[in-house]
Amino acid sequence: MIKPLEGVRIVDFSELLPGPFMTQNLCELGAEVIKIERPPHGDSARRMAPGLFEAVNRGKQSRVLDLKQPAGRERAIALISQADILVETYRPGVMSRLGLGYEAMKVLNPRLIYASLTGYGQSGPMAALPGHDLNYLAVGGAIALSGHGASTPAHTFGLPAADLCGAMYGFSAILAALYQRASTGEGQYLDIAMLDCVAHWLNVRVGHFHHAGIDSLESQRRDVLIKPAYGVFETADARHLTICALEDHFWQRLCRALPLPGFLSSGLNEFSARSSRAREINAIIAKEVKRYDLETLERRLMDADIPVGRVNQPLDVAQEEHVTSRGLPAKTAAGAMMRFPVRLAGIGEPSALSPSLTEEII
């Protein structure tokens, strides 16, 4: 059976995380990805974070090209002329200075979809600045919401959210551009900025804050982070469980299951009433949760049809019964990696290996 992106060729000039993660997803859908690496060591992630490199470069080919030399540029141009998509993550202007910018390449290959993934985009006063995930989250307004009260903002989320956010917006934009090209016959330039992507995510908070009149940072944090019967709670065996009984019917089930009989008749049956007493409610829930071991309480709350989930350690997710039942884990050189999470016809098995540096050196 044909793979979703079979026959699509990508020339990938990206390294480290955001670009390679984006092209890894395209590779898993069947695209041919030719990774262009700089001599002598290739992608910096090969040495800085080998496990990360393995995770986001499986199934790709590698070409080691010195783009500062005529022979390297000529080979790159030959590859681009036969490509459907070009992905690059250099700072603005670098590819043009190398003679590989979009304006030159679209003359060579009018059907080329040219995607530049950067921190701040190709225009604007910050475009030329260096940056990393935390910078984009900060400028995009996300880090300000991470903290309690009026305290210093906290970097507490354990995934590179801006990097992955930008990668997935780029992924979806490339697929949309491919679909559009099927009608127009023409490629296009995609300016993908991780800051822009984070700012777009923020719409869901900003819209709510405007509508509800929540204008101070302290009140915004409280609204986002402190919700009644919603949080992480420690069990008697020093493990942790998430409980999310936000809706009124889930709240009432939680009061019966834990039990919390005093709350059933205390005027807290509506969410608006519970919100003003969120800290008090969560403190009482925490005390009750400590009476049970994790398995006992998890089963009790599941049987009562209450949103509940144990806190798994990162290296344990691949052994989680539900995850394995979904067929997600696949063996790779970097350990158990999760397959592309949506099963499309013909998607096949993901590659277990990342490319070596020996395929071509110019």
Foldseek 3Di string as FASTA:
>chain_A
DDFQAAPAEEEEAEADPQRLQLVQLVVLSHYAYEYEAEPDPGHPCVPVPVLRLWQRFFPYAYAHAHLVDPVRVVVVLVSLLSHQEYEHADQAPPCVVSVNDPVNSCVSPFNYAYEYEYAAWNDDPCRRPHDALVVLCVVLVNQLLADAAPDDRDDDDPDSVLSHQQSVVSNVVSVVQVVVCVVVVGYDYHTTHSSVSSNVVCVVLVVVCVVVVPDDSNSSSLVPPQFAQFDWAAEQVRFIKTFDQQALVLVVLPCPQLPVVVVVPPPPSHRVVCSVVRVVRVVVVNVSRHVHDDVVSVVSSVVSVTDMDTDDDPVCPCVPPVQVVLVFWDAAPSGTDGRDNDDDPPSDDTGRGGYDHPPYHD
